[in-house]
Amino acid sequence: MSNKVEELKKQKGGLEVWPDLLRYSKTGFHSIPEDDLQRFRWYGIYQQKPREDGCFMMRVKIPGGDVSAEQMRVMGEVARDYCHGFADFTTRQNVQYHWLTIETIPEVLEKLNSVGLTTVGACGDIARNIVGCPVAGLDPSEIYDCRSLVHEVTRFFLGNKDFADLPRKFKMSISGCAFDCAQPEINDIGITAVRRPIPAGSKSAHSGEEIAFQVRVGGGLSTQPYFAQKLDMIVHPSQVLDVCRAITEIFRDDGYRDRRNRARMKFLVADIGPEEFKRRVVERLGWTPEPGTEPDDPPNGYRDHLGILSQKQHGLHWIGVVLLNGRVTAQKMLDAAVIASRFCDGNLRTTNQQNLIFPNIAGDDLEAAKSAIRRSGFEWEASPFRKAAVACTGNEFCNLAITETKLRLVEIIEFLEKELVWDEDIRINLNGCPNSCGQHHIGDIGLQGCLAKVGEQRVEAYDICLGGRLGSDARFSRPIERKVPADKVKYALVNLLLAYRSQRYAKEDFSHFVERHSDDELGAMLGRELLAETDPEFVPPPPLHAGE
């Protein structure tokens, strides 16, 4: 039996709501029926919290994170003029706005469209923004520059009504990054460049290695996380779009639609297995891809591209700056556009870790560019805690979130920086509910928002989950301590990190340290007795050896 969303899509597709949206901009928020509020999502528009206020969140798609200075300027103007002076960079390289009204949405979209930006497919049961490596075409270690593939696949799916009624949202990554920064493990489709020996008997005039792509399917997080599974196939650049089309057709036609919580492709792949899924792909393609190879995945680690680094182009550099929790003021966006026009050949890159990259800076301009970037409040020198931290939208604007996230992450990071001298990457992913927009399942430290009872009060709290990692030995984090009051989390994390530093084996990273300890042992390191304190007036003391 179909669910409510499936019924409303049958009555009118999400992409068909545009004329109605224009009409509602004249008749006002209270004239919009609930079903059309759902359909707005196909244009990247959600109701923000509280629903009764009539304000909206909107996402702007940035395929592969590649954005021009002019586009950044216009996005900054939108943030300044319509969105209370700020925007958020997201974990899919999008830009997200708040405080829009139905009256202003058409003019905002017109302004964005005028510089080649779109919100179509940023939300809804449709192909979402395609994630790519933010230093594609720049990184000396990259395997393949996938920007043209990202844009080719984006153009095919954009506004394509044949793929506008999928069972649920659909996420793709296409990358040639040597470090898999686009996180293919957690996407519905993960296309990853690999080097492999040219097969015997190949007609290629060259010998040695060739570049091809391996294909993963069925990754995703939310309340039931799954890693994507590799299909036994290798495809060439000219075949990537055809493979993405075939896989999406399978999801469209065979994916589950009865229950929304089972409608992601990860459940279909888990049920039928990669071999049967490949058979269906080949059937849709009408041709048979070459058998796959098994190149080693990169090890777990931080997968952003921050700092000042040399590009493959002689004499050019990029500067990757940290935007803690992704929130940025309109003025900083406008400043970034000016800097990009002056020093970066009119180009900027957003990352899926909510950060920003200034590319194409000539060596002779490097000091001047650094000064301009710092004057605008951006920083590339940051603690390991700060550069790797991610937070979702939280209950400030999200109707699903239980806890506040953006300010809480700042509080935690600033406390860790004050209490600990640290030189090792630690990825902290903070999420305001179980749905994992903040990706707490893959963090070294994952914080999942919840509520706890303290005395007679219910307070914001977090489940502390530990040990997530991607790469060659991928693991999801496991919950260690439940319902820790939010104001105690930072103390628990300092206690844990001090224990890790004193007890780890030589060259052991945090995730493997977590793996070899039991939940009880890790709970003791967090300071379980401290966390169990129920006095609402209790203020926890600083951890032992603070400032070490």
Protein backbone atom coordinates (compact mmCIF):
# COMPACT_ATOMS: atom_id res chain seq x y z
CA MET A 1 0.00 0.00 0.00
CA SER A 2 1.39 3.42 -1.00
CA ASN A 3 2.37 6.03 1.54
CA LYS A 4 1.09 9.59 1.58
CA VAL A 5 4.03 11.05 -0.34
CA GLU A 6 3.60 8.47 -3.10
CA GLU A 7 -0.07 9.40 -3.38
CA LEU A 8 0.61 13.13 -3.70
CA LYS A 9 3.28 12.48 -6.36
CA LYS A 10 0.71 10.57 -8.41
CA GLN A 11 -1.70 13.49 -8.20
CA LYS A 12 0.92 16.05 -9.27
CA GLY A 13 4.66 15.69 -9.67
CA GLY A 14 7.08 17.76 -7.66
CA LEU A 15 8.48 19.57 -10.71
CA GLU A 16 4.95 20.57 -11.73
CA VAL A 17 4.44 22.83 -8.70
CA TRP A 18 6.32 25.81 -10.16
CA PRO A 19 3.27 27.71 -11.57
CA ASP A 20 1.52 27.21 -8.24
CA LEU A 21 4.55 28.50 -6.33
CA LEU A 22 4.44 31.69 -8.38
CA ARG A 23 0.73 32.05 -7.63
CA TYR A 24 1.27 31.52 -3.90
CA SER A 25 3.89 34.28 -3.91
CA LYS A 26 0.97 36.62 -4.66
CA THR A 27 -1.67 35.03 -2.43
CA GLY A 28 0.57 34.42 0.62
CA PHE A 29 1.76 31.61 2.86
CA HIS A 30 -1.63 30.68 4.28
CA SER A 31 -2.96 29.93 0.80
CA ILE A 32 -0.49 27.06 0.29
CA PRO A 33 -1.97 23.55 0.79
CA GLU A 34 0.11 21.01 2.69
CA ASP A 35 0.63 18.80 -0.37
CA ASP A 36 2.23 21.65 -2.33
CA LEU A 37 4.50 22.47 0.61
CA GLN A 38 5.77 18.91 0.17
CA ARG A 39 6.22 19.44 -3.59
CA PHE A 40 8.25 22.63 -2.99
CA ARG A 41 11.09 20.32 -2.00
CA TRP A 42 11.71 19.47 -5.65
CA TYR A 43 12.81 23.11 -5.97
CA GLY A 44 15.08 22.91 -2.93
CA ILE A 45 12.58 24.56 -0.56
CA TYR A 46 11.56 23.31 2.90
CA GLN A 47 9.52 24.87 5.66
CA GLN A 48 11.85 25.88 8.44
CA LYS A 49 11.08 25.73 12.14
CA PRO A 50 8.64 26.87 13.43
CA ARG A 51 6.28 25.97 10.59
CA GLU A 52 3.70 28.54 11.66
CA ASP A 53 6.05 31.45 10.92
CA GLY A 54 5.81 30.86 7.18
CA CYS A 55 9.57 30.98 6.55
CA PHE A 56 11.54 28.64 4.34
CA MET A 57 14.93 27.04 3.99
CA MET A 58 16.36 26.83 0.47
CA ARG A 59 19.36 24.89 -0.89
CA VAL A 60 21.40 26.00 -3.89
CA LYS A 61 23.15 23.21 -5.80
CA ILE A 62 26.90 23.51 -6.43
CA PRO A 63 27.87 20.46 -8.56
CA GLY A 64 31.25 19.21 -7.39
CA GLY A 65 31.62 22.35 -5.26
CA ASP A 66 32.84 24.35 -8.28
CA VAL A 67 31.51 27.93 -8.04
CA SER A 68 32.47 31.16 -9.78
CA ALA A 69 33.24 34.46 -8.07
CA GLU A 70 30.15 35.97 -9.69
CA GLN A 71 27.97 33.17 -8.35
CA MET A 72 29.43 33.59 -4.86
CA ARG A 73 28.79 37.33 -5.05
CA VAL A 74 25.14 36.77 -5.95
CA MET A 75 24.74 34.14 -3.21
CA GLY A 76 26.23 36.62 -0.75
CA GLU A 77 23.79 39.29 -1.87
CA VAL A 78 20.88 36.90 -1.38
CA ALA A 79 22.10 36.09 2.13
CA ARG A 80 22.48 39.79 2.89
CA ASP A 81 19.18 40.98 1.43
CA TYR A 82 16.78 38.13 2.18
CA CYS A 83 18.26 35.71 4.76
CA HIS A 84 19.22 37.68 7.89
CA GLY A 85 22.81 38.04 6.70
CA PHE A 86 24.13 34.47 6.70
CA ALA A 87 24.10 31.10 4.93
CA ASP A 88 25.32 27.57 5.64
CA PHE A 89 27.68 25.42 3.57
CA THR A 90 26.48 21.80 3.65
CA THR A 91 27.96 18.30 3.54
CA ARG A 92 26.88 18.01 -0.13
CA GLN A 93 28.78 21.15 -1.17
CA ASN A 94 25.53 23.14 -1.35
CA VAL A 95 24.73 26.56 0.04
CA GLN A 96 21.69 26.65 2.33
CA TYR A 97 19.58 29.69 3.20
CA HIS A 98 17.05 30.42 5.92
CA TRP A 99 14.34 33.02 6.56
CA LEU A 100 13.01 33.18 3.01
CA THR A 101 9.31 33.96 2.55
CA ILE A 102 6.99 32.81 -0.22
CA GLU A 103 6.77 36.41 -1.40
CA THR A 104 10.54 36.67 -1.92
CA ILE A 105 11.30 33.19 -3.26
CA PRO A 106 10.58 33.91 -6.97
CA GLU A 107 12.85 36.96 -7.06
CA VAL A 108 15.59 35.07 -5.19
CA LEU A 109 15.38 32.20 -7.66
CA GLU A 110 15.48 34.61 -10.58
CA LYS A 111 18.60 36.22 -9.13
CA LEU A 112 20.28 32.84 -8.64
CA ASN A 113 19.26 31.58 -12.09
CA SER A 114 20.73 34.71 -13.71
CA VAL A 115 24.24 33.48 -12.86
CA GLY A 116 23.66 29.82 -13.69
CA LEU A 117 22.69 28.60 -10.21
CA THR A 118 19.73 26.34 -9.56
CA THR A 119 17.82 24.83 -6.66
CA VAL A 120 16.03 22.21 -8.78
CA GLY A 121 16.62 18.80 -7.24
CA ALA A 122 18.36 20.12 -4.14
CA CYS A 123 15.63 18.37 -2.12
CA GLY A 124 12.81 15.95 -2.92
CA ASP A 125 12.62 12.39 -4.29
CA ILE A 126 15.07 13.13 -7.06
CA ALA A 127 18.80 13.10 -7.86
CA ARG A 128 20.45 15.51 -5.43
CA ASN A 129 23.59 17.61 -5.86
CA ILE A 130 26.49 15.48 -7.14
CA VAL A 131 29.47 15.57 -4.81
CA GLY A 132 32.99 15.70 -6.23
CA CYS A 133 36.54 16.48 -5.17
CA PRO A 134 36.81 20.22 -4.42
CA VAL A 135 40.34 20.36 -5.85
CA ALA A 136 39.51 18.52 -9.06
CA GLY A 137 41.83 19.74 -11.79
CA LEU A 138 44.20 21.23 -9.21
CA ASP A 139 45.56 18.38 -7.08
CA PRO A 140 48.89 16.92 -8.25
CA SER A 141 47.93 13.53 -6.76
CA GLU A 142 44.49 13.23 -8.37
CA ILE A 143 43.80 10.23 -10.56
CA TYR A 144 41.33 11.94 -12.90
CA ASP A 145 39.76 15.38 -13.22
CA CYS A 146 36.05 14.53 -12.98
CA ARG A 147 34.58 18.00 -13.32
CA SER A 148 33.29 17.37 -16.84
CA LEU A 149 31.69 14.08 -15.73
CA VAL A 150 30.03 15.74 -12.72
CA HIS A 151 28.51 18.39 -14.96
CA GLU A 152 27.51 15.89 -17.67
CA VAL A 153 25.59 13.72 -15.19
CA THR A 154 24.14 16.82 -13.50
CA ARG A 155 22.79 18.15 -16.82
CA PHE A 156 21.21 14.80 -17.66
CA PHE A 157 19.23 14.54 -14.42
CA LEU A 158 18.46 18.24 -13.90
CA GLY A 159 14.72 18.74 -14.34
CA ASN A 160 14.45 15.38 -16.13
CA LYS A 161 10.87 14.26 -15.52
CA ASP A 162 11.79 10.64 -16.27
CA PHE A 163 13.74 10.70 -13.00
CA ALA A 164 11.67 13.16 -10.96
CA ASP A 165 9.66 10.51 -9.12
CA LEU A 166 12.19 8.30 -7.36
CA PRO A 167 11.19 6.34 -4.25
CA ARG A 168 13.26 8.69 -2.10
CA LYS A 169 16.23 11.06 -2.32
CA PHE A 170 19.15 9.84 -4.41
CA LYS A 171 22.77 10.83 -3.83
CA MET A 172 25.76 10.44 -6.14
CA SER A 173 29.48 11.12 -5.89
CA ILE A 174 31.86 11.18 -8.85
CA SER A 175 35.51 11.75 -8.07
CA GLY A 176 39.07 11.14 -9.17
CA CYS A 177 40.54 12.10 -5.80
CA ALA A 178 43.32 9.80 -4.59
CA PHE A 179 41.92 10.09 -1.04
CA ASP A 180 38.23 9.47 -1.88
CA CYS A 181 37.25 12.81 -0.35
CA ALA A 182 33.81 12.57 -2.01
CA GLN A 183 32.97 9.69 0.36
CA PRO A 184 31.72 7.11 -2.17
CA GLU A 185 31.12 4.70 0.71
CA ILE A 186 28.01 6.59 1.86
CA ASN A 187 26.39 7.51 -1.47
CA ASP A 188 23.70 5.71 -3.44
CA ILE A 189 26.14 5.73 -6.35
CA GLY A 190 29.86 6.20 -5.79
CA ILE A 191 31.94 6.52 -8.96
CA THR A 192 35.66 6.47 -8.20
CA ALA A 193 38.63 6.74 -10.55
CA VAL A 194 41.24 3.98 -10.31
CA ARG A 195 44.50 3.19 -12.05
CA ARG A 196 44.80 -0.33 -13.38
CA PRO A 197 47.06 -2.29 -15.73
CA ILE A 198 45.85 -2.21 -19.33
CA PRO A 199 44.24 -5.61 -19.95
CA ALA A 200 46.04 -8.07 -22.20
CA GLY A 201 44.82 -7.87 -25.75
CA SER A 202 43.64 -4.27 -25.40
CA LYS A 203 43.63 -2.27 -28.62
CA SER A 204 45.12 0.67 -26.76
CA ALA A 205 48.28 1.98 -28.33
CA HIS A 206 49.71 2.66 -24.91
CA SER A 207 51.17 0.21 -22.44
CA GLY A 208 51.20 0.28 -18.68
CA GLU A 209 48.29 1.79 -16.75
CA GLU A 210 44.93 3.23 -17.73
CA ILE A 211 42.33 5.23 -15.84
CA ALA A 212 38.92 3.70 -15.33
CA PHE A 213 36.15 3.88 -12.72
CA GLN A 214 34.88 1.49 -10.13
CA VAL A 215 31.22 1.63 -9.13
CA ARG A 216 29.69 1.38 -5.68
CA VAL A 217 25.96 1.27 -4.96
CA GLY A 218 23.69 1.37 -1.94
CA GLY A 219 25.47 3.57 0.59
CA GLY A 220 23.65 5.83 3.00
CA LEU A 221 23.43 6.85 6.65
CA SER A 222 20.24 8.07 8.40
CA THR A 223 18.90 5.83 11.19
CA GLN A 224 20.13 2.60 9.53
CA PRO A 225 23.55 3.15 7.97
CA TYR A 226 24.91 1.02 5.14
CA PHE A 227 28.21 1.20 3.30
CA ALA A 228 27.98 1.12 -0.49
CA GLN A 229 28.95 -2.18 -2.09
CA LYS A 230 31.32 -2.45 -5.05
CA LEU A 231 29.94 -3.88 -8.27
CA ASP A 232 32.18 -6.23 -10.22
CA MET A 233 32.63 -3.82 -13.11
CA ILE A 234 34.99 -1.22 -14.46
CA VAL A 235 33.74 1.57 -16.70
CA HIS A 236 35.45 4.21 -18.78
CA PRO A 237 34.77 7.97 -18.69
CA SER A 238 32.47 7.86 -21.72
CA GLN A 239 30.35 5.19 -19.97
CA VAL A 240 29.83 6.90 -16.60
CA LEU A 241 26.59 8.68 -17.53
CA ASP A 242 25.08 5.52 -19.00
CA VAL A 243 25.89 3.57 -15.84
CA CYS A 244 24.41 6.30 -13.60
CA ARG A 245 21.27 6.31 -15.75
CA ALA A 246 20.87 2.53 -15.55
CA ILE A 247 21.37 2.39 -11.79
CA THR A 248 18.90 5.21 -11.22
CA GLU A 249 16.33 3.45 -13.43
CA ILE A 250 16.63 0.36 -11.24
CA PHE A 251 16.03 2.43 -8.13
CA ARG A 252 13.10 4.20 -9.79
CA ASP A 253 11.42 1.01 -11.00
CA ASP A 254 12.45 -1.59 -8.40
CA GLY A 255 13.00 0.51 -5.26
CA TYR A 256 10.64 0.20 -2.32
CA ARG A 257 7.78 2.70 -2.12
CA ASP A 258 5.39 1.31 0.50
CA ARG A 259 7.20 2.74 3.52
CA ARG A 260 9.28 5.92 3.50
CA ASN A 261 11.73 4.51 6.02
CA ARG A 262 12.55 1.65 3.61
CA ALA A 263 12.54 3.67 0.40
CA ARG A 264 16.30 4.30 0.06
CA MET A 265 18.31 2.29 -2.48
CA LYS A 266 20.54 0.89 0.26
CA PHE A 267 17.73 -1.45 1.34
CA LEU A 268 17.21 -2.77 -2.18
CA VAL A 269 20.95 -3.42 -2.63
CA ALA A 270 21.18 -5.10 0.78
CA ASP A 271 18.22 -7.36 -0.04
CA ILE A 272 19.18 -8.52 -3.55
CA GLY A 273 22.98 -8.32 -3.22
CA PRO A 274 25.60 -6.78 -5.51
CA GLU A 275 25.66 -9.70 -7.98
CA GLU A 276 21.94 -9.47 -8.74
CA PHE A 277 22.13 -5.70 -8.79
CA LYS A 278 24.92 -5.87 -11.37
CA ARG A 279 22.84 -8.25 -13.48
CA ARG A 280 20.03 -5.72 -13.54
CA VAL A 281 22.46 -2.93 -14.43
CA VAL A 282 23.83 -4.91 -17.38
CA GLU A 283 20.29 -5.65 -18.52
CA ARG A 284 19.47 -1.92 -18.50
CA LEU A 285 22.72 -0.96 -20.21
CA GLY A 286 22.44 -3.38 -23.11
CA TRP A 287 26.20 -3.89 -22.97
CA THR A 288 28.49 -5.65 -20.51
CA PRO A 289 31.13 -3.67 -18.59
CA GLU A 290 34.56 -5.17 -18.07
CA PRO A 291 35.05 -7.09 -14.80
CA GLY A 292 36.13 -4.99 -11.86
CA THR A 293 39.48 -4.64 -10.20
CA GLU A 294 40.15 -4.46 -6.50
CA PRO A 295 42.51 -1.53 -5.96
CA ASP A 296 43.19 -0.70 -2.36
CA ASP A 297 40.95 1.97 -0.88
CA PRO A 298 42.81 4.77 0.89
CA PRO A 299 43.14 4.41 4.65
CA ASN A 300 40.83 6.16 7.06
CA GLY A 301 41.66 9.77 7.65
CA TYR A 302 40.66 13.34 7.25
CA ARG A 303 39.53 13.86 3.65
CA ASP A 304 39.44 17.60 3.15
CA HIS A 305 42.09 19.68 1.35
CA LEU A 306 42.84 22.49 3.79
CA GLY A 307 45.90 24.66 4.19
CA ILE A 308 48.22 26.20 1.61
CA LEU A 309 49.13 23.62 -1.04
CA SER A 310 50.77 23.59 -4.44
CA GLN A 311 48.63 22.82 -7.47
CA LYS A 312 49.59 20.66 -10.43
CA GLN A 313 49.82 23.91 -12.43
CA HIS A 314 53.36 25.24 -11.99
CA GLY A 315 53.57 28.21 -9.63
CA LEU A 316 49.92 28.10 -8.52
CA HIS A 317 48.52 27.34 -5.06
CA TRP A 318 45.22 26.83 -3.32
CA ILE A 319 44.32 27.93 0.19
CA GLY A 320 41.72 25.80 1.97
CA VAL A 321 40.05 27.65 4.85
CA VAL A 322 37.98 26.40 7.77
CA LEU A 323 34.34 27.37 8.25
CA LEU A 324 33.48 25.79 11.58
CA ASN A 325 30.02 24.18 11.23
CA GLY A 326 29.64 25.67 7.74
CA ARG A 327 27.98 28.89 8.81
CA VAL A 328 29.22 32.01 7.03
CA THR A 329 28.11 35.63 6.99
CA ALA A 330 26.93 37.36 3.86
CA GLN A 331 29.86 39.76 4.13
CA LYS A 332 32.36 36.91 4.14
CA MET A 333 30.70 35.47 1.04
CA LEU A 334 30.96 38.85 -0.67
CA ASP A 335 34.58 39.18 0.42
CA ALA A 336 35.33 35.69 -0.89
CA ALA A 337 33.92 36.70 -4.28
CA VAL A 338 36.18 39.77 -4.40
CA ILE A 339 39.24 37.73 -3.40
CA ALA A 340 38.42 35.09 -6.01
CA SER A 341 38.09 37.73 -8.72
CA ARG A 342 41.41 39.29 -7.76
CA PHE A 343 43.59 36.26 -6.99
CA CYS A 344 41.80 33.02 -7.95
CA ASP A 345 40.98 33.37 -11.64
CA GLY A 346 37.36 33.93 -10.62
CA ASN A 347 36.95 30.49 -9.01
CA LEU A 348 36.08 29.07 -5.57
CA ARG A 349 35.37 25.55 -4.31
CA THR A 350 33.07 24.37 -1.53
CA THR A 351 33.87 21.10 0.28
CA ASN A 352 31.68 18.37 1.73
CA GLN A 353 33.26 19.08 5.12
CA GLN A 354 31.59 22.53 5.11
CA ASN A 355 34.80 24.37 4.25
CA LEU A 356 35.96 26.64 1.38
CA ILE A 357 38.93 26.63 -1.01
CA PHE A 358 40.54 29.59 -2.79
CA PRO A 359 42.35 28.11 -5.85
CA ASN A 360 44.69 29.29 -8.63
CA ILE A 361 46.75 31.75 -6.56
CA ALA A 362 50.04 32.68 -8.23
CA GLY A 363 53.18 32.48 -6.15
CA ASP A 364 53.83 36.20 -6.55
CA ASP A 365 50.33 36.93 -5.21
CA LEU A 366 50.39 34.44 -2.35
CA GLU A 367 51.25 36.86 0.47
CA ALA A 368 48.74 39.45 -0.72
CA ALA A 369 46.05 36.77 -1.06
CA LYS A 370 46.79 35.44 2.43
CA SER A 371 46.44 38.93 3.87
CA ALA A 372 43.14 39.51 2.08
CA ILE A 373 41.78 36.14 3.17
CA ARG A 374 42.72 36.74 6.79
CA ARG A 375 41.35 40.30 6.79
CA SER A 376 38.01 38.85 5.74
CA GLY A 377 37.99 36.54 8.76
CA PHE A 378 38.96 33.29 7.05
CA GLU A 379 41.64 31.05 8.54
CA TRP A 380 43.57 28.10 7.12
CA GLU A 381 45.66 27.39 10.22
CA ALA A 382 43.33 25.56 12.56
CA SER A 383 43.41 22.86 15.22
CA PRO A 384 42.72 19.28 14.14
CA PHE A 385 39.45 19.50 16.07
CA ARG A 386 38.26 22.57 14.19
CA LYS A 387 39.18 21.66 10.64
CA ALA A 388 37.43 18.29 10.70
CA ALA A 389 34.27 19.22 12.63
CA VAL A 390 30.84 18.94 11.00
CA ALA A 391 27.38 19.89 12.27
CA CYS A 392 23.88 19.62 10.81
CA THR A 393 21.30 22.44 10.84
CA GLY A 394 19.92 21.56 14.29
CA ASN A 395 16.71 22.60 16.01
CA GLU A 396 17.26 26.26 15.27
CA PHE A 397 15.65 25.69 11.87
CA CYS A 398 15.06 21.96 11.29
CA ASN A 399 11.67 20.52 12.23
CA LEU A 400 13.17 17.07 12.84
CA ALA A 401 16.10 18.08 15.03
CA ILE A 402 15.93 17.57 18.80
CA THR A 403 18.96 19.61 19.83
CA GLU A 404 20.81 22.78 18.88
CA THR A 405 23.97 22.03 16.91
CA LYS A 406 25.86 24.97 15.42
CA LEU A 407 26.59 26.84 18.65
CA ARG A 408 27.08 23.61 20.59
CA LEU A 409 29.80 22.50 18.17
CA VAL A 410 31.58 25.84 18.56
CA GLU A 411 31.43 25.45 22.35
CA ILE A 412 32.87 21.93 22.23
CA ILE A 413 35.66 22.77 19.77
CA GLU A 414 36.72 25.90 21.64
CA PHE A 415 36.85 23.95 24.91
CA LEU A 416 38.96 21.16 23.41
CA GLU A 417 41.34 23.73 21.93
CA LYS A 418 41.68 25.42 25.31
CA GLU A 419 42.23 22.23 27.30
CA LEU A 420 44.35 20.13 24.94
CA VAL A 421 47.44 20.58 22.81
CA TRP A 422 46.69 18.28 19.88
CA ASP A 423 48.38 17.45 16.59
CA GLU A 424 46.35 14.49 15.29
CA ASP A 425 43.20 14.56 13.17
CA ILE A 426 40.07 13.86 15.18
CA ARG A 427 36.80 14.05 13.26
CA ILE A 428 33.86 15.23 15.38
CA ASN A 429 30.46 14.93 13.69
CA LEU A 430 27.54 16.45 15.56
CA ASN A 431 23.94 15.66 14.68
CA GLY A 432 20.74 17.06 16.14
CA CYS A 433 18.69 13.88 15.69
CA PRO A 434 19.12 10.25 14.53
CA ASN A 435 18.83 11.11 10.80
CA SER A 436 22.59 11.74 10.43
CA CYS A 437 22.68 14.83 8.21
CA GLY A 438 25.75 15.63 10.33
CA GLN A 439 27.09 12.13 9.55
CA HIS A 440 27.73 11.05 13.13
CA HIS A 441 28.01 7.41 12.03
CA ILE A 442 31.37 8.03 10.33
CA GLY A 443 33.00 10.38 12.82
CA ASP A 444 35.85 9.42 15.12
CA ILE A 445 33.50 11.01 17.63
CA GLY A 446 29.84 11.07 16.64
CA LEU A 447 27.32 13.01 18.72
CA GLN A 448 23.63 12.22 18.18
CA GLY A 449 21.10 14.61 19.67
CA CYS A 450 18.45 13.37 22.09
CA LEU A 451 16.73 14.42 25.34
CA ALA A 452 17.62 13.34 28.88
CA LYS A 453 15.83 13.66 32.18
CA VAL A 454 17.80 15.59 34.79
CA GLY A 455 15.85 15.82 38.00
CA GLU A 456 12.37 16.88 36.93
CA GLN A 457 13.60 18.58 33.78
CA ARG A 458 14.12 17.32 30.25
CA VAL A 459 17.30 18.75 28.80
CA GLU A 460 19.15 18.54 25.51
CA ALA A 461 21.60 15.67 25.47
CA TYR A 462 23.77 13.58 23.17
CA ASP A 463 24.56 9.95 22.63
CA ILE A 464 28.36 9.74 22.39
CA CYS A 465 29.33 7.34 19.59
CA LEU A 466 32.94 6.43 18.85
CA GLY A 467 35.15 4.79 16.25
CA GLY A 468 33.62 5.60 12.85
CA ARG A 469 35.89 5.56 9.83
CA LEU A 470 35.89 5.32 6.05
CA GLY A 471 38.40 3.79 3.69
CA SER A 472 39.99 0.37 3.49
CA ASP A 473 38.78 -0.72 6.94
CA ALA A 474 35.48 1.16 7.17
CA ARG A 475 33.40 0.99 10.35
CA PHE A 476 30.39 2.84 11.66
CA SER A 477 30.72 4.42 15.08
CA ARG A 478 29.16 2.61 18.00
CA PRO A 479 27.19 4.25 20.84
CA ILE A 480 29.15 4.21 24.08
CA GLU A 481 27.31 6.54 26.43
CA ARG A 482 23.64 7.44 26.03
CA LYS A 483 21.81 10.66 26.91
CA VAL A 484 24.77 12.71 28.13
CA PRO A 485 23.50 16.20 29.04
CA ALA A 486 24.74 18.60 26.37
CA ASP A 487 26.70 20.79 28.78
CA LYS A 488 28.74 17.79 29.98
CA VAL A 489 29.78 16.45 26.58
CA LYS A 490 32.89 18.62 26.26
CA TYR A 491 34.24 17.43 29.62
CA ALA A 492 33.67 13.80 28.68
CA LEU A 493 35.53 14.24 25.39
CA VAL A 494 38.56 15.79 27.05
CA ASN A 495 38.66 12.90 29.54
CA LEU A 496 38.48 10.40 26.70
CA LEU A 497 41.16 12.06 24.60
CA LEU A 498 43.53 12.27 27.55
CA ALA A 499 43.02 8.54 28.12
CA TYR A 500 43.63 7.82 24.45
CA ARG A 501 46.84 9.81 24.42
CA SER A 502 48.22 8.03 27.48
CA GLN A 503 47.07 4.48 26.63
CA ARG A 504 47.30 4.07 22.87
CA TYR A 505 49.83 1.85 21.13
CA ALA A 506 52.58 3.38 19.01
CA LYS A 507 51.17 4.73 15.74
CA GLU A 508 47.66 3.61 16.69
CA ASP A 509 44.95 5.99 15.50
CA PHE A 510 41.85 6.90 17.47
CA SER A 511 39.44 4.66 15.58
CA HIS A 512 41.54 1.53 16.11
CA PHE A 513 42.07 2.48 19.76
CA VAL A 514 38.28 2.54 20.14
CA GLU A 515 37.96 -0.78 18.33
CA ARG A 516 40.19 -2.67 20.78
CA HIS A 517 38.39 -1.36 23.88
CA SER A 518 35.03 -2.46 25.25
CA ASP A 519 32.08 -0.15 25.72
CA ASP A 520 32.59 -0.30 29.48
CA GLU A 521 36.26 0.62 29.19
CA LEU A 522 35.47 3.55 26.92
CA GLY A 523 32.63 4.63 29.18
CA ALA A 524 35.06 4.74 32.09
CA MET A 525 37.44 6.88 30.03
CA LEU A 526 34.62 9.31 29.29
CA GLY A 527 34.00 9.57 33.03
CA ARG A 528 30.78 7.61 33.44
CA GLU A 529 30.31 8.61 37.09
CA LEU A 530 30.57 12.26 36.13
CA LEU A 531 28.06 11.84 33.32
CA ALA A 532 25.58 10.03 35.55
CA GLU A 533 25.30 13.03 37.89
CA THR A 534 21.61 14.05 38.02
CA ASP A 535 21.74 17.24 40.08
CA PRO A 536 20.48 19.98 37.69
CA GLU A 537 22.65 22.53 39.53
CA PHE A 538 25.79 20.44 39.15
CA VAL A 539 28.65 22.10 37.25
CA PRO A 540 31.30 19.56 36.22
CA PRO A 541 34.90 20.38 37.12
CA PRO A 542 37.62 20.72 34.50
CA PRO A 543 39.22 17.41 33.55
CA LEU A 544 42.42 16.28 35.18
CA HIS A 545 45.62 17.50 33.51
CA ALA A 546 43.77 20.29 31.72
CA GLY A 547 46.00 22.19 29.34
CA GLU A 548 48.45 19.30 28.99
